[in-house]
Amino acid sequence: LSDFLKKNAIKADIHVISGSVEIAPGIGLADAIFDI
C-alpha cells in the first residue's frame, strides 16, 4: 500500500491490522481498507 500511495503522490495514514481488516470502517477505526 505504501509503495502504491507514493507512486501516486497520495499522503494517507496507514493503520496496520493483522486480521479482520474489513470491520475497520464499521467501528470507526479507519476510513477505508486495503485487503485481499
PDB file of all heavy atoms in Angstrom:
ATOM      1  N   LEU A   1       0.826  -1.204   0.000  1.00  0.00           N
ATOM      2  CA  LEU A   1       0.000   0.000   0.000  1.00  0.00           C
ATOM      3  C   LEU A   1       0.863   1.257   0.000  1.00  0.00           C
ATOM      4  O   LEU A   1       0.593   2.214  -0.746  1.00  0.00           O
ATOM      5  CB  LEU A   1      -0.926   0.005   1.213  1.00  0.00           C
ATOM      6  CG  LEU A   1      -1.815   1.247   1.375  1.00  0.00           C
ATOM      7  CD1 LEU A   1      -2.685   1.458   0.143  1.00  0.00           C
ATOM      8  CD2 LEU A   1      -2.669   1.133   2.633  1.00  0.00           C
ATOM      9  N   SER A   2       1.905   1.281   0.816  1.00  0.00           N
ATOM     10  CA  SER A   2       2.784   2.444   0.891  1.00  0.00           C
ATOM     11  C   SER A   2       3.433   2.738  -0.461  1.00  0.00           C
ATOM     12  O   SER A   2       3.485   3.890  -0.904  1.00  0.00           O
ATOM     13  CB  SER A   2       3.867   2.218   1.945  1.00  0.00           C
ATOM     14  OG  SER A   2       4.761   3.307   1.999  1.00  0.00           O
ATOM     15  N   ASP A   3       3.903   1.687  -1.133  1.00  0.00           N
ATOM     16  CA  ASP A   3       4.522   1.856  -2.450  1.00  0.00           C
ATOM     17  C   ASP A   3       3.520   2.424  -3.451  1.00  0.00           C
ATOM     18  O   ASP A   3       3.861   3.291  -4.267  1.00  0.00           O
ATOM     19  CB  ASP A   3       5.066   0.519  -2.960  1.00  0.00           C
ATOM     20  CG  ASP A   3       6.294   0.061  -2.189  1.00  0.00           C
ATOM     21  OD1 ASP A   3       6.885   0.878  -1.459  1.00  0.00           O
ATOM     22  OD2 ASP A   3       6.657  -1.125  -2.313  1.00  0.00           O
ATOM     23  N   PHE A   4       2.294   1.942  -3.383  1.00  0.00           N
ATOM     24  CA  PHE A   4       1.259   2.417  -4.306  1.00  0.00           C
ATOM     25  C   PHE A   4       0.937   3.887  -4.053  1.00  0.00           C
ATOM     26  O   PHE A   4       0.822   4.681  -4.994  1.00  0.00           O
ATOM     27  CB  PHE A   4      -0.001   1.565  -4.164  1.00  0.00           C
ATOM     28  CG  PHE A   4      -1.162   2.058  -4.978  1.00  0.00           C
ATOM     29  CD1 PHE A   4      -1.233   1.811  -6.334  1.00  0.00           C
ATOM     30  CD2 PHE A   4      -2.180   2.798  -4.382  1.00  0.00           C
ATOM     31  CE1 PHE A   4      -2.296   2.284  -7.095  1.00  0.00           C
ATOM     32  CE2 PHE A   4      -3.243   3.271  -5.130  1.00  0.00           C
ATOM     33  CZ  PHE A   4      -3.297   3.012  -6.498  1.00  0.00           C
ATOM     34  N   LEU A   5       0.786   4.251  -2.791  1.00  0.00           N
ATOM     35  CA  LEU A   5       0.452   5.641  -2.462  1.00  0.00           C
ATOM     36  C   LEU A   5       1.574   6.595  -2.871  1.00  0.00           C
ATOM     37  O   LEU A   5       1.324   7.680  -3.401  1.00  0.00           O
ATOM     38  CB  LEU A   5       0.162   5.766  -0.971  1.00  0.00           C
ATOM     39  CG  LEU A   5      -1.095   5.033  -0.455  1.00  0.00           C
ATOM     40  CD1 LEU A   5      -1.202   5.156   1.050  1.00  0.00           C
ATOM     41  CD2 LEU A   5      -2.356   5.563  -1.135  1.00  0.00           C
ATOM     42  N   LYS A   6       2.827   6.186  -2.636  1.00  0.00           N
ATOM     43  CA  LYS A   6       3.962   7.019  -3.026  1.00  0.00           C
ATOM     44  C   LYS A   6       4.009   7.199  -4.541  1.00  0.00           C
ATOM     45  O   LYS A   6       4.275   8.301  -5.040  1.00  0.00           O
ATOM     46  CB  LYS A   6       5.263   6.389  -2.537  1.00  0.00           C
ATOM     47  CG  LYS A   6       5.471   6.489  -1.038  1.00  0.00           C
ATOM     48  CD  LYS A   6       6.767   5.798  -0.624  1.00  0.00           C
ATOM     49  CE  LYS A   6       6.948   5.841   0.888  1.00  0.00           C
ATOM     50  NZ  LYS A   6       8.176   5.110   1.306  1.00  0.00           N
ATOM     51  N   LYS A   7       3.749   6.118  -5.263  1.00  0.00           N
ATOM     52  CA  LYS A   7       3.768   6.173  -6.720  1.00  0.00           C
ATOM     53  C   LYS A   7       2.732   7.159  -7.246  1.00  0.00           C
ATOM     54  O   LYS A   7       2.948   7.811  -8.279  1.00  0.00           O
ATOM     55  CB  LYS A   7       3.508   4.777  -7.285  1.00  0.00           C
ATOM     56  CG  LYS A   7       3.514   4.699  -8.800  1.00  0.00           C
ATOM     57  CD  LYS A   7       3.255   3.284  -9.263  1.00  0.00           C
ATOM     58  CE  LYS A   7       3.199   3.200 -10.789  1.00  0.00           C
ATOM     59  NZ  LYS A   7       2.922   1.819 -11.263  1.00  0.00           N
ATOM     60  N   ASN A   8       1.608   7.271  -6.526  1.00  0.00           N
ATOM     61  CA  ASN A   8       0.528   8.147  -6.968  1.00  0.00           C
ATOM     62  C   ASN A   8       0.487   9.476  -6.205  1.00  0.00           C
ATOM     63  O   ASN A   8      -0.500  10.212  -6.304  1.00  0.00           O
ATOM     64  CB  ASN A   8      -0.815   7.419  -6.824  1.00  0.00           C
ATOM     65  CG  ASN A   8      -0.982   6.311  -7.844  1.00  0.00           C
ATOM     66  OD1 ASN A   8      -1.388   6.548  -8.975  1.00  0.00           O
ATOM     67  ND2 ASN A   8      -0.637   5.080  -7.445  1.00  0.00           N
ATOM     68  N   ALA A   9       1.555   9.740  -5.443  1.00  0.00           N
ATOM     69  CA  ALA A   9       1.694  11.025  -4.720  1.00  0.00           C
ATOM     70  C   ALA A   9       0.498  11.312  -3.820  1.00  0.00           C
ATOM     71  O   ALA A   9      -0.016  12.427  -3.777  1.00  0.00           O
ATOM     72  CB  ALA A   9       1.911  12.158  -5.713  1.00  0.00           C
ATOM     73  N   ILE A  10       0.081  10.298  -3.099  1.00  0.00           N
ATOM     74  CA  ILE A  10      -1.043  10.454  -2.174  1.00  0.00           C
ATOM     75  C   ILE A  10      -0.540  10.231  -0.752  1.00  0.00           C
ATOM     76  O   ILE A  10       0.089   9.216  -0.456  1.00  0.00           O
ATOM     77  CB  ILE A  10      -2.173   9.452  -2.494  1.00  0.00           C
ATOM     78  CG1 ILE A  10      -2.769   9.760  -3.867  1.00  0.00           C
ATOM     79  CG2 ILE A  10      -3.261   9.489  -1.425  1.00  0.00           C
ATOM     80  CD1 ILE A  10      -3.750   8.730  -4.339  1.00  0.00           C
ATOM     81  N   LYS A  11      -0.819  11.171   0.131  1.00  0.00           N
ATOM     82  CA  LYS A  11      -0.444  11.041   1.528  1.00  0.00           C
ATOM     83  C   LYS A  11      -1.653  10.599   2.337  1.00  0.00           C
ATOM     84  O   LYS A  11      -2.678  11.286   2.369  1.00  0.00           O
ATOM     85  CB  LYS A  11       0.098  12.367   2.062  1.00  0.00           C
ATOM     86  CG  LYS A  11       1.420  12.775   1.435  1.00  0.00           C
ATOM     87  CD  LYS A  11       1.950  14.055   2.056  1.00  0.00           C
ATOM     88  CE  LYS A  11       3.301  14.443   1.454  1.00  0.00           C
ATOM     89  NZ  LYS A  11       3.837  15.691   2.073  1.00  0.00           N
ATOM     90  N   ALA A  12      -1.522   9.434   2.959  1.00  0.00           N
ATOM     91  CA  ALA A  12      -2.604   8.887   3.780  1.00  0.00           C
ATOM     92  C   ALA A  12      -1.993   8.221   4.998  1.00  0.00           C
ATOM     93  O   ALA A  12      -0.798   7.905   5.028  1.00  0.00           O
ATOM     94  CB  ALA A  12      -3.438   7.891   2.977  1.00  0.00           C
ATOM     95  N   ASP A  13      -2.805   7.995   6.010  1.00  0.00           N
ATOM     96  CA  ASP A  13      -2.365   7.355   7.248  1.00  0.00           C
ATOM     97  C   ASP A  13      -2.642   5.861   7.143  1.00  0.00           C
ATOM     98  O   ASP A  13      -3.794   5.435   7.035  1.00  0.00           O
ATOM     99  CB  ASP A  13      -3.129   7.967   8.426  1.00  0.00           C
ATOM    100  CG  ASP A  13      -2.690   7.368   9.754  1.00  0.00           C
ATOM    101  OD1 ASP A  13      -1.654   6.677   9.786  1.00  0.00           O
ATOM    102  OD2 ASP A  13      -3.409   7.584  10.758  1.00  0.00           O
ATOM    103  N   ILE A  14      -1.566   5.052   7.166  1.00  0.00           N
ATOM    104  CA  ILE A  14      -1.716   3.602   7.064  1.00  0.00           C
ATOM    105  C   ILE A  14      -1.796   3.008   8.464  1.00  0.00           C
ATOM    106  O   ILE A  14      -0.884   3.174   9.277  1.00  0.00           O
ATOM    107  CB  ILE A  14      -0.548   2.973   6.286  1.00  0.00           C
ATOM    108  CG1 ILE A  14      -0.522   3.520   4.854  1.00  0.00           C
ATOM    109  CG2 ILE A  14      -0.663   1.452   6.279  1.00  0.00           C
ATOM    110  CD1 ILE A  14       0.665   3.031   4.033  1.00  0.00           C
ATOM    111  N   HIS A  15      -2.900   2.312   8.737  1.00  0.00           N
ATOM    112  CA  HIS A  15      -3.117   1.682  10.036  1.00  0.00           C
ATOM    113  C   HIS A  15      -2.998   0.172   9.853  1.00  0.00           C
ATOM    114  O   HIS A  15      -3.821  -0.446   9.182  1.00  0.00           O
ATOM    115  CB  HIS A  15      -4.499   2.050  10.575  1.00  0.00           C
ATOM    116  CG  HIS A  15      -4.734   1.605  11.987  1.00  0.00           C
ATOM    117  ND1 HIS A  15      -4.263   2.310  13.079  1.00  0.00           N
ATOM    118  CD2 HIS A  15      -5.377   0.526  12.489  1.00  0.00           C
ATOM    119  CE1 HIS A  15      -4.608   1.686  14.188  1.00  0.00           C
ATOM    120  NE2 HIS A  15      -5.289   0.601  13.855  1.00  0.00           N
ATOM    121  N   VAL A  16      -1.962  -0.442  10.446  1.00  0.00           N
ATOM    122  CA  VAL A  16      -1.690  -1.866  10.236  1.00  0.00           C
ATOM    123  C   VAL A  16      -2.541  -2.727  11.173  1.00  0.00           C
ATOM    124  O   VAL A  16      -2.536  -2.545  12.391  1.00  0.00           O
ATOM    125  CB  VAL A  16      -0.197  -2.181  10.453  1.00  0.00           C
ATOM    126  CG1 VAL A  16       0.068  -3.668  10.215  1.00  0.00           C
ATOM    127  CG2 VAL A  16       0.669  -1.329   9.532  1.00  0.00           C
ATOM    128  N   ILE A  17      -3.261  -3.673  10.573  1.00  0.00           N
ATOM    129  CA  ILE A  17      -4.101  -4.620  11.312  1.00  0.00           C
ATOM    130  C   ILE A  17      -3.743  -6.021  10.840  1.00  0.00           C
ATOM    131  O   ILE A  17      -3.604  -6.267   9.645  1.00  0.00           O
ATOM    132  CB  ILE A  17      -5.606  -4.359  11.067  1.00  0.00           C
ATOM    133  CG1 ILE A  17      -5.981  -2.965  11.555  1.00  0.00           C
ATOM    134  CG2 ILE A  17      -6.460  -5.404  11.744  1.00  0.00           C
ATOM    135  CD1 ILE A  17      -7.446  -2.616  11.321  1.00  0.00           C
ATOM    136  N   SER A  18      -3.604  -6.963  11.762  1.00  0.00           N
ATOM    137  CA  SER A  18      -3.186  -8.316  11.396  1.00  0.00           C
ATOM    138  C   SER A  18      -4.338  -9.199  10.917  1.00  0.00           C
ATOM    139  O   SER A  18      -4.129 -10.211  10.262  1.00  0.00           O
ATOM    140  CB  SER A  18      -2.487  -8.998  12.578  1.00  0.00           C
ATOM    141  OG  SER A  18      -3.352  -9.061  13.692  1.00  0.00           O
ATOM    142  N   GLY A  19      -5.557  -8.829  11.234  1.00  0.00           N
ATOM    143  CA  GLY A  19      -6.691  -9.653  10.813  1.00  0.00           C
ATOM    144  C   GLY A  19      -7.995  -8.885  10.877  1.00  0.00           C
ATOM    145  O   GLY A  19      -8.078  -7.821  11.502  1.00  0.00           O
ATOM    146  N   SER A  20      -9.044  -9.417  10.214  1.00  0.00           N
ATOM    147  CA  SER A  20     -10.378  -8.796  10.202  1.00  0.00           C
ATOM    148  C   SER A  20     -10.315  -7.325   9.790  1.00  0.00           C
ATOM    149  O   SER A  20     -10.943  -6.460  10.406  1.00  0.00           O
ATOM    150  CB  SER A  20     -11.044  -8.927  11.575  1.00  0.00           C
ATOM    151  OG  SER A  20     -11.190 -10.285  11.928  1.00  0.00           O
ATOM    152  N   VAL A  21      -9.576  -7.054   8.751  1.00  0.00           N
ATOM    153  CA  VAL A  21      -9.412  -5.689   8.258  1.00  0.00           C
ATOM    154  C   VAL A  21     -10.742  -5.079   7.847  1.00  0.00           C
ATOM    155  O   VAL A  21     -10.988  -3.884   8.037  1.00  0.00           O
ATOM    156  CB  VAL A  21      -8.420  -5.671   7.062  1.00  0.00           C
ATOM    157  CG1 VAL A  21      -8.341  -4.283   6.443  1.00  0.00           C
ATOM    158  CG2 VAL A  21      -7.042  -6.130   7.517  1.00  0.00           C
ATOM    159  N   GLU A  22     -11.616  -5.905   7.313  1.00  0.00           N
ATOM    160  CA  GLU A  22     -12.866  -5.396   6.734  1.00  0.00           C
ATOM    161  C   GLU A  22     -13.804  -4.722   7.737  1.00  0.00           C
ATOM    162  O   GLU A  22     -14.696  -3.959   7.347  1.00  0.00           O
ATOM    163  CB  GLU A  22     -13.620  -6.531   6.019  1.00  0.00           C
ATOM    164  CG  GLU A  22     -14.123  -7.641   6.920  1.00  0.00           C
ATOM    165  CD  GLU A  22     -13.061  -8.681   7.258  1.00  0.00           C
ATOM    166  OE1 GLU A  22     -11.929  -8.582   6.736  1.00  0.00           O
ATOM    167  OE2 GLU A  22     -13.366  -9.592   8.055  1.00  0.00           O
ATOM    168  N   ILE A  23     -13.605  -4.979   9.031  1.00  0.00           N
ATOM    169  CA  ILE A  23     -14.502  -4.374  10.024  1.00  0.00           C
ATOM    170  C   ILE A  23     -14.062  -2.967  10.439  1.00  0.00           C
ATOM    171  O   ILE A  23     -14.799  -2.256  11.115  1.00  0.00           O
ATOM    172  CB  ILE A  23     -14.635  -5.257  11.282  1.00  0.00           C
ATOM    173  CG1 ILE A  23     -13.313  -5.271  12.076  1.00  0.00           C
ATOM    174  CG2 ILE A  23     -15.078  -6.663  10.927  1.00  0.00           C
ATOM    175  CD1 ILE A  23     -13.440  -5.934  13.444  1.00  0.00           C
ATOM    176  N   ALA A  24     -12.843  -2.565  10.030  1.00  0.00           N
ATOM    177  CA  ALA A  24     -12.266  -1.303  10.493  1.00  0.00           C
ATOM    178  C   ALA A  24     -13.138  -0.081  10.222  1.00  0.00           C
ATOM    179  O   ALA A  24     -13.361   0.737  11.126  1.00  0.00           O
ATOM    180  CB  ALA A  24     -10.861  -1.114   9.918  1.00  0.00           C
ATOM    181  N   PRO A  25     -13.665   0.104   9.011  1.00  0.00           N
ATOM    182  CA  PRO A  25     -14.504   1.295   8.784  1.00  0.00           C
ATOM    183  C   PRO A  25     -15.782   1.276   9.616  1.00  0.00           C
ATOM    184  O   PRO A  25     -16.232   2.324  10.097  1.00  0.00           O
ATOM    185  CB  PRO A  25     -14.818   1.217   7.286  1.00  0.00           C
ATOM    186  CG  PRO A  25     -13.690   0.436   6.707  1.00  0.00           C
ATOM    187  CD  PRO A  25     -13.387  -0.598   7.744  1.00  0.00           C
ATOM    188  N   GLY A  26     -16.355   0.110   9.804  1.00  0.00           N
ATOM    189  CA  GLY A  26     -17.612  -0.006  10.533  1.00  0.00           C
ATOM    190  C   GLY A  26     -17.511   0.354  11.999  1.00  0.00           C
ATOM    191  O   GLY A  26     -18.501   0.793  12.602  1.00  0.00           O
ATOM    192  N   ILE A  27     -16.338   0.193  12.586  1.00  0.00           N
ATOM    193  CA  ILE A  27     -16.163   0.514  14.015  1.00  0.00           C
ATOM    194  C   ILE A  27     -15.424   1.837  14.203  1.00  0.00           C
ATOM    195  O   ILE A  27     -15.011   2.168  15.315  1.00  0.00           O
ATOM    196  CB  ILE A  27     -15.426  -0.628  14.754  1.00  0.00           C
ATOM    197  CG1 ILE A  27     -14.020  -0.844  14.175  1.00  0.00           C
ATOM    198  CG2 ILE A  27     -16.244  -1.915  14.700  1.00  0.00           C
ATOM    199  CD1 ILE A  27     -13.205  -1.873  14.959  1.00  0.00           C
ATOM    200  N   GLY A  28     -15.234   2.561  13.121  1.00  0.00           N
ATOM    201  CA  GLY A  28     -14.607   3.875  13.209  1.00  0.00           C
ATOM    202  C   GLY A  28     -13.103   3.863  13.315  1.00  0.00           C
ATOM    203  O   GLY A  28     -12.493   4.881  13.643  1.00  0.00           O
ATOM    204  N   LEU A  29     -12.477   2.712  13.028  1.00  0.00           N
ATOM    205  CA  LEU A  29     -11.028   2.612  13.144  1.00  0.00           C
ATOM    206  C   LEU A  29     -10.309   3.163  11.909  1.00  0.00           C
ATOM    207  O   LEU A  29      -9.147   3.569  11.979  1.00  0.00           O
ATOM    208  CB  LEU A  29     -10.630   1.146  13.366  1.00  0.00           C
ATOM    209  CG  LEU A  29      -9.195   0.845  13.766  1.00  0.00           C
ATOM    210  CD1 LEU A  29      -8.850   1.531  15.091  1.00  0.00           C
ATOM    211  CD2 LEU A  29      -8.984  -0.663  13.887  1.00  0.00           C
ATOM    212  N   ALA A  30     -10.993   3.171  10.781  1.00  0.00           N
ATOM    213  CA  ALA A  30     -10.378   3.640   9.534  1.00  0.00           C
ATOM    214  C   ALA A  30     -11.452   4.145   8.587  1.00  0.00           C
ATOM    215  O   ALA A  30     -12.638   3.820   8.729  1.00  0.00           O
ATOM    216  CB  ALA A  30      -9.570   2.516   8.886  1.00  0.00           C
ATOM    217  N   ASP A  31     -11.028   4.920   7.599  1.00  0.00           N
ATOM    218  CA  ASP A  31     -11.953   5.418   6.578  1.00  0.00           C
ATOM    219  C   ASP A  31     -12.101   4.428   5.428  1.00  0.00           C
ATOM    220  O   ASP A  31     -13.115   4.435   4.713  1.00  0.00           O
ATOM    221  CB  ASP A  31     -11.442   6.747   6.006  1.00  0.00           C
ATOM    222  CG  ASP A  31     -11.272   7.802   7.091  1.00  0.00           C
ATOM    223  OD1 ASP A  31     -12.282   8.137   7.733  1.00  0.00           O
ATOM    224  OD2 ASP A  31     -10.134   8.269   7.294  1.00  0.00           O
ATOM    225  N   ALA A  32     -11.065   3.606   5.226  1.00  0.00           N
ATOM    226  CA  ALA A  32     -11.046   2.678   4.098  1.00  0.00           C
ATOM    227  C   ALA A  32     -10.163   1.486   4.465  1.00  0.00           C
ATOM    228  O   ALA A  32      -9.487   1.488   5.497  1.00  0.00           O
ATOM    229  CB  ALA A  32     -10.514   3.378   2.854  1.00  0.00           C
ATOM    230  N   ILE A  33     -10.172   0.470   3.598  1.00  0.00           N
ATOM    231  CA  ILE A  33      -9.306  -0.683   3.824  1.00  0.00           C
ATOM    232  C   ILE A  33      -8.557  -1.029   2.545  1.00  0.00           C
ATOM    233  O   ILE A  33      -8.980  -0.679   1.441  1.00  0.00           O
ATOM    234  CB  ILE A  33     -10.084  -1.924   4.309  1.00  0.00           C
ATOM    235  CG1 ILE A  33     -10.974  -2.482   3.173  1.00  0.00           C
ATOM    236  CG2 ILE A  33     -10.904  -1.615   5.548  1.00  0.00           C
ATOM    237  CD1 ILE A  33     -11.530  -3.871   3.457  1.00  0.00           C
ATOM    238  N   PHE A  34      -7.446  -1.714   2.704  1.00  0.00           N
ATOM    239  CA  PHE A  34      -6.695  -2.286   1.590  1.00  0.00           C
ATOM    240  C   PHE A  34      -6.476  -3.746   1.942  1.00  0.00           C
ATOM    241  O   PHE A  34      -5.764  -4.066   2.893  1.00  0.00           O
ATOM    242  CB  PHE A  34      -5.362  -1.560   1.411  1.00  0.00           C
ATOM    243  CG  PHE A  34      -4.482  -2.174   0.353  1.00  0.00           C
ATOM    244  CD1 PHE A  34      -4.888  -2.199  -0.967  1.00  0.00           C
ATOM    245  CD2 PHE A  34      -3.249  -2.713   0.683  1.00  0.00           C
ATOM    246  CE1 PHE A  34      -4.077  -2.759  -1.943  1.00  0.00           C
ATOM    247  CE2 PHE A  34      -2.435  -3.267  -0.286  1.00  0.00           C
ATOM    248  CZ  PHE A  34      -2.853  -3.290  -1.608  1.00  0.00           C
ATOM    249  N   ASP A  35      -7.105  -4.652   1.188  1.00  0.00           N
ATOM    250  CA  ASP A  35      -7.092  -6.051   1.604  1.00  0.00           C
ATOM    251  C   ASP A  35      -7.280  -6.979   0.402  1.00  0.00           C
ATOM    252  O   ASP A  35      -7.548  -6.532  -0.716  1.00  0.00           O
ATOM    253  CB  ASP A  35      -8.201  -6.303   2.630  1.00  0.00           C
ATOM    254  CG  ASP A  35      -7.944  -7.528   3.491  1.00  0.00           C
ATOM    255  OD1 ASP A  35      -6.791  -8.000   3.526  1.00  0.00           O
ATOM    256  OD2 ASP A  35      -8.895  -8.019   4.122  1.00  0.00           O
ATOM    257  N   ILE A  36      -7.145  -8.272   0.684  1.00  0.00           N
ATOM    258  CA  ILE A  36      -7.364  -9.303  -0.334  1.00  0.00           C
ATOM    259  C   ILE A  36      -8.853  -9.383  -0.666  1.00  0.00           C
ATOM    260  O   ILE A  36      -9.702  -9.351   0.223  1.00  0.00           O
ATOM    261  CB  ILE A  36      -6.877 -10.671   0.177  1.00  0.00           C
ATOM    262  CG1 ILE A  36      -5.347 -10.704   0.241  1.00  0.00           C
ATOM    263  CG2 ILE A  36      -7.373 -11.798  -0.715  1.00  0.00           C
ATOM    264  CD1 ILE A  36      -4.795 -11.982   0.813  1.00  0.00           C
TER     265      ILE A  36
END
